[in-house]
N, C-alpha and C. Protein backbone atom coordinates (compact mmCIF):
# COMPACT_ATOMS: atom_id res chain seq x y z
N MET A 1 52.96 107.45 81.73
CA MET A 1 52.71 107.64 80.31
C MET A 1 52.22 109.06 80.07
N SER A 2 52.72 109.67 79.07
CA SER A 2 52.25 111.01 78.73
C SER A 2 51.08 110.90 77.76
N GLN A 3 50.33 111.97 77.70
CA GLN A 3 49.20 112.03 76.78
C GLN A 3 49.73 112.18 75.36
N PRO A 4 48.96 111.70 74.36
CA PRO A 4 49.39 111.89 72.97
C PRO A 4 49.60 113.38 72.68
N GLY A 5 50.68 113.66 71.99
CA GLY A 5 50.95 115.05 71.61
C GLY A 5 51.70 115.86 72.66
N THR A 6 51.97 115.26 73.82
CA THR A 6 52.75 115.97 74.84
C THR A 6 54.05 115.22 75.07
N LYS A 7 55.08 115.97 75.45
CA LYS A 7 56.35 115.36 75.77
C LYS A 7 56.33 114.97 77.24
N PRO A 8 56.97 113.87 77.60
CA PRO A 8 57.03 113.52 79.01
C PRO A 8 57.82 114.58 79.78
N PHE A 9 57.41 114.82 80.98
CA PHE A 9 58.10 115.74 81.88
C PHE A 9 58.11 117.18 81.39
N ASP A 10 57.01 117.63 80.81
CA ASP A 10 56.88 119.03 80.43
C ASP A 10 56.57 119.87 81.67
N VAL A 11 57.39 120.88 81.91
CA VAL A 11 57.15 121.79 83.03
C VAL A 11 56.08 122.79 82.61
N GLN A 12 55.11 122.98 83.46
CA GLN A 12 54.05 123.95 83.22
C GLN A 12 54.16 125.08 84.24
N HIS A 13 53.99 126.31 83.78
CA HIS A 13 53.94 127.45 84.69
C HIS A 13 52.49 127.65 85.09
N ASN A 14 52.23 127.67 86.38
CA ASN A 14 50.89 127.89 86.92
C ASN A 14 50.92 129.20 87.70
N PRO A 15 50.78 130.35 87.00
CA PRO A 15 50.89 131.63 87.70
C PRO A 15 49.80 131.85 88.74
N ALA A 16 48.63 131.25 88.56
CA ALA A 16 47.55 131.40 89.54
C ALA A 16 47.95 130.82 90.90
N GLU A 17 48.80 129.79 90.88
CA GLU A 17 49.27 129.16 92.11
C GLU A 17 50.71 129.58 92.46
N SER A 18 51.30 130.44 91.65
CA SER A 18 52.68 130.90 91.84
C SER A 18 53.65 129.73 91.95
N ARG A 19 53.61 128.88 90.91
CA ARG A 19 54.52 127.74 90.92
C ARG A 19 54.70 127.17 89.53
N PHE A 20 55.79 126.42 89.39
CA PHE A 20 56.07 125.63 88.21
C PHE A 20 55.79 124.19 88.59
N GLU A 21 55.16 123.44 87.67
CA GLU A 21 54.67 122.11 88.01
C GLU A 21 55.10 121.07 86.98
N LEU A 22 55.24 119.86 87.47
CA LEU A 22 55.44 118.68 86.66
C LEU A 22 54.53 117.59 87.24
N VAL A 23 53.73 116.98 86.41
CA VAL A 23 52.92 115.85 86.85
C VAL A 23 53.48 114.61 86.17
N VAL A 24 53.93 113.66 86.99
CA VAL A 24 54.51 112.42 86.48
C VAL A 24 53.88 111.26 87.24
N ASP A 25 53.35 110.33 86.50
CA ASP A 25 52.73 109.14 87.10
C ASP A 25 51.71 109.52 88.17
N GLY A 26 50.98 110.60 87.93
CA GLY A 26 49.93 111.04 88.85
C GLY A 26 50.43 111.80 90.07
N HIS A 27 51.73 112.07 90.14
CA HIS A 27 52.31 112.79 91.27
C HIS A 27 52.73 114.20 90.82
N LEU A 28 52.55 115.17 91.70
CA LEU A 28 52.87 116.57 91.40
C LEU A 28 54.18 116.97 92.04
N ALA A 29 55.12 117.43 91.21
CA ALA A 29 56.36 118.04 91.68
C ALA A 29 56.23 119.53 91.38
N MET A 30 56.83 120.39 92.22
CA MET A 30 56.65 121.82 92.02
C MET A 30 57.81 122.64 92.56
N ALA A 31 57.94 123.83 91.96
CA ALA A 31 58.85 124.86 92.45
C ALA A 31 57.98 126.09 92.68
N GLU A 32 57.85 126.50 93.94
CA GLU A 32 56.96 127.60 94.31
C GLU A 32 57.74 128.91 94.43
N TYR A 33 57.04 130.00 94.19
CA TYR A 33 57.65 131.32 94.27
C TYR A 33 56.61 132.34 94.71
N ARG A 34 57.11 133.53 95.04
CA ARG A 34 56.21 134.67 95.25
C ARG A 34 56.87 135.89 94.61
N ARG A 35 56.05 136.73 94.03
CA ARG A 35 56.54 137.97 93.40
C ARG A 35 56.59 139.06 94.44
N GLU A 36 57.66 139.82 94.42
CA GLU A 36 57.82 140.99 95.28
C GLU A 36 58.36 142.11 94.41
N GLY A 37 57.45 142.85 93.78
CA GLY A 37 57.85 143.90 92.85
C GLY A 37 58.57 143.30 91.67
N GLY A 38 59.80 143.77 91.40
CA GLY A 38 60.58 143.27 90.28
C GLY A 38 61.44 142.08 90.65
N GLN A 39 61.11 141.45 91.76
CA GLN A 39 61.90 140.32 92.24
C GLN A 39 61.01 139.11 92.43
N VAL A 40 61.58 137.93 92.27
CA VAL A 40 60.89 136.67 92.52
C VAL A 40 61.65 135.95 93.62
N VAL A 41 60.91 135.56 94.65
CA VAL A 41 61.50 134.79 95.74
C VAL A 41 61.09 133.33 95.53
N PHE A 42 62.07 132.46 95.29
CA PHE A 42 61.78 131.03 95.16
C PHE A 42 61.76 130.45 96.57
N THR A 43 60.59 129.97 96.98
CA THR A 43 60.36 129.60 98.37
C THR A 43 60.47 128.12 98.66
N HIS A 44 60.17 127.27 97.68
CA HIS A 44 60.13 125.84 97.99
C HIS A 44 60.15 125.02 96.70
N THR A 45 60.94 123.98 96.70
CA THR A 45 60.94 123.01 95.60
C THR A 45 60.60 121.66 96.21
N PHE A 46 59.63 120.97 95.62
CA PHE A 46 59.19 119.69 96.18
C PHE A 46 59.03 118.65 95.07
N VAL A 47 59.64 117.51 95.29
CA VAL A 47 59.46 116.35 94.42
C VAL A 47 59.04 115.20 95.33
N PRO A 48 57.88 114.58 95.05
CA PRO A 48 57.44 113.45 95.89
C PRO A 48 58.48 112.33 95.91
N PRO A 49 58.56 111.60 97.01
CA PRO A 49 59.54 110.52 97.12
C PRO A 49 59.49 109.54 95.95
N GLU A 50 58.31 109.28 95.43
CA GLU A 50 58.15 108.33 94.32
C GLU A 50 58.86 108.79 93.05
N LEU A 51 59.12 110.07 92.94
CA LEU A 51 59.69 110.63 91.71
C LEU A 51 61.15 111.06 91.84
N ARG A 52 61.70 110.97 93.03
CA ARG A 52 63.06 111.47 93.24
C ARG A 52 64.08 110.66 92.48
N GLY A 53 65.19 111.32 92.14
CA GLY A 53 66.26 110.66 91.43
C GLY A 53 66.12 110.70 89.92
N ARG A 54 65.14 111.43 89.41
CA ARG A 54 64.92 111.53 87.97
C ARG A 54 65.33 112.89 87.39
N GLY A 55 65.87 113.77 88.23
CA GLY A 55 66.27 115.09 87.76
C GLY A 55 65.11 116.06 87.59
N LEU A 56 63.98 115.78 88.23
CA LEU A 56 62.80 116.63 88.05
C LEU A 56 62.95 117.99 88.74
N ALA A 57 63.58 118.01 89.91
CA ALA A 57 63.78 119.30 90.59
C ALA A 57 64.62 120.22 89.71
N GLU A 58 65.64 119.67 89.07
CA GLU A 58 66.47 120.48 88.17
C GLU A 58 65.65 121.01 87.00
N LYS A 59 64.81 120.17 86.41
CA LYS A 59 63.97 120.62 85.30
C LYS A 59 63.05 121.76 85.74
N LEU A 60 62.47 121.63 86.92
CA LEU A 60 61.59 122.68 87.44
C LEU A 60 62.35 123.99 87.63
N VAL A 61 63.50 123.90 88.26
CA VAL A 61 64.27 125.11 88.56
C VAL A 61 64.81 125.75 87.29
N ARG A 62 65.27 124.97 86.35
CA ARG A 62 65.73 125.55 85.08
C ARG A 62 64.59 126.30 84.38
N ALA A 63 63.40 125.71 84.36
CA ALA A 63 62.25 126.38 83.73
C ALA A 63 61.90 127.66 84.48
N ALA A 64 61.93 127.61 85.80
CA ALA A 64 61.60 128.79 86.61
C ALA A 64 62.62 129.91 86.39
N LEU A 65 63.89 129.57 86.34
CA LEU A 65 64.93 130.58 86.13
C LEU A 65 64.88 131.14 84.71
N ALA A 66 64.56 130.31 83.74
CA ALA A 66 64.41 130.79 82.36
C ALA A 66 63.26 131.80 82.28
N TRP A 67 62.17 131.51 82.99
CA TRP A 67 61.03 132.44 83.04
C TRP A 67 61.45 133.76 83.68
N ALA A 68 62.15 133.69 84.81
CA ALA A 68 62.59 134.92 85.49
C ALA A 68 63.50 135.74 84.58
N ARG A 69 64.39 135.07 83.87
CA ARG A 69 65.29 135.77 82.95
C ARG A 69 64.49 136.44 81.82
N ALA A 70 63.54 135.71 81.24
CA ALA A 70 62.73 136.25 80.15
C ALA A 70 61.89 137.43 80.60
N GLU A 71 61.45 137.41 81.85
CA GLU A 71 60.63 138.49 82.41
C GLU A 71 61.49 139.63 82.99
N ARG A 72 62.80 139.46 82.92
CA ARG A 72 63.76 140.45 83.46
C ARG A 72 63.56 140.69 84.96
N LEU A 73 63.34 139.60 85.67
CA LEU A 73 63.14 139.67 87.12
C LEU A 73 64.40 139.21 87.83
N GLN A 74 64.71 139.89 88.93
CA GLN A 74 65.79 139.41 89.79
C GLN A 74 65.21 138.33 90.68
N ILE A 75 66.07 137.44 91.14
CA ILE A 75 65.59 136.36 91.98
C ILE A 75 66.25 136.37 93.35
N ARG A 76 65.55 135.80 94.30
CA ARG A 76 66.10 135.57 95.64
C ARG A 76 65.79 134.11 95.98
N PRO A 77 66.80 133.28 96.14
CA PRO A 77 66.57 131.87 96.42
C PRO A 77 66.40 131.61 97.92
N ALA A 78 65.17 131.68 98.42
CA ALA A 78 64.89 131.32 99.80
C ALA A 78 64.86 129.80 99.97
N CYS A 79 64.70 129.09 98.87
CA CYS A 79 64.70 127.63 98.85
C CYS A 79 66.14 127.13 98.77
N SER A 80 66.50 126.20 99.63
CA SER A 80 67.88 125.70 99.65
C SER A 80 68.27 124.99 98.36
N TYR A 81 67.32 124.32 97.72
CA TYR A 81 67.64 123.65 96.45
C TYR A 81 67.98 124.67 95.37
N VAL A 82 67.19 125.73 95.27
CA VAL A 82 67.44 126.76 94.26
C VAL A 82 68.79 127.43 94.53
N ALA A 83 69.08 127.72 95.79
CA ALA A 83 70.37 128.34 96.14
C ALA A 83 71.53 127.43 95.74
N ALA A 84 71.43 126.14 96.04
CA ALA A 84 72.49 125.19 95.69
C ALA A 84 72.61 125.04 94.17
N PHE A 85 71.48 125.06 93.48
CA PHE A 85 71.49 124.95 92.02
C PHE A 85 72.25 126.12 91.41
N ILE A 86 71.97 127.33 91.88
CA ILE A 86 72.65 128.52 91.35
C ILE A 86 74.14 128.49 91.69
N GLU A 87 74.47 127.97 92.85
CA GLU A 87 75.88 127.84 93.22
C GLU A 87 76.60 126.91 92.25
N ARG A 88 75.94 125.84 91.82
CA ARG A 88 76.53 124.87 90.89
C ARG A 88 76.49 125.33 89.44
N HIS A 89 75.63 126.29 89.13
CA HIS A 89 75.46 126.77 87.75
C HIS A 89 75.63 128.29 87.71
N PRO A 90 76.88 128.76 87.66
CA PRO A 90 77.16 130.19 87.77
C PRO A 90 76.52 131.03 86.67
N GLU A 91 76.10 130.42 85.56
CA GLU A 91 75.45 131.20 84.49
C GLU A 91 74.15 131.84 84.96
N TYR A 92 73.61 131.40 86.09
CA TYR A 92 72.36 131.98 86.61
C TYR A 92 72.61 133.05 87.68
N ARG A 93 73.85 133.25 88.09
CA ARG A 93 74.14 134.21 89.17
C ARG A 93 73.77 135.64 88.81
N THR A 94 73.76 135.96 87.53
CA THR A 94 73.40 137.31 87.12
C THR A 94 71.93 137.64 87.47
N LEU A 95 71.14 136.62 87.75
CA LEU A 95 69.74 136.85 88.11
C LEU A 95 69.57 137.24 89.58
N LEU A 96 70.59 137.02 90.39
CA LEU A 96 70.45 137.25 91.82
C LEU A 96 70.22 138.72 92.14
N GLY A 97 69.22 138.96 92.97
CA GLY A 97 68.93 140.33 93.42
C GLY A 97 69.72 140.64 94.67
N ASP A 98 69.46 141.80 95.21
CA ASP A 98 70.16 142.23 96.43
C ASP A 98 69.71 141.45 97.64
């Protein structure tokens, strides 16, 4: 259940922890990154087993890539999920760095 006034499955950016987060049913899903100058390296995407199959990893990665685009940052997908996501969604390939 979501709190009143919030939409379910809202992705939150937690820059202090260098990650995008979703809390669902008390479980934390996340897409982690590290900044390297004008580039963002996406290092790990994690969805707890209890939450898998709901499209949460995709929601996290879409939010993270939208943030990178808005900040004009190039990305490097060190995470296999992020790399596969970009392969399936060519509209994000312009974000890829060297």
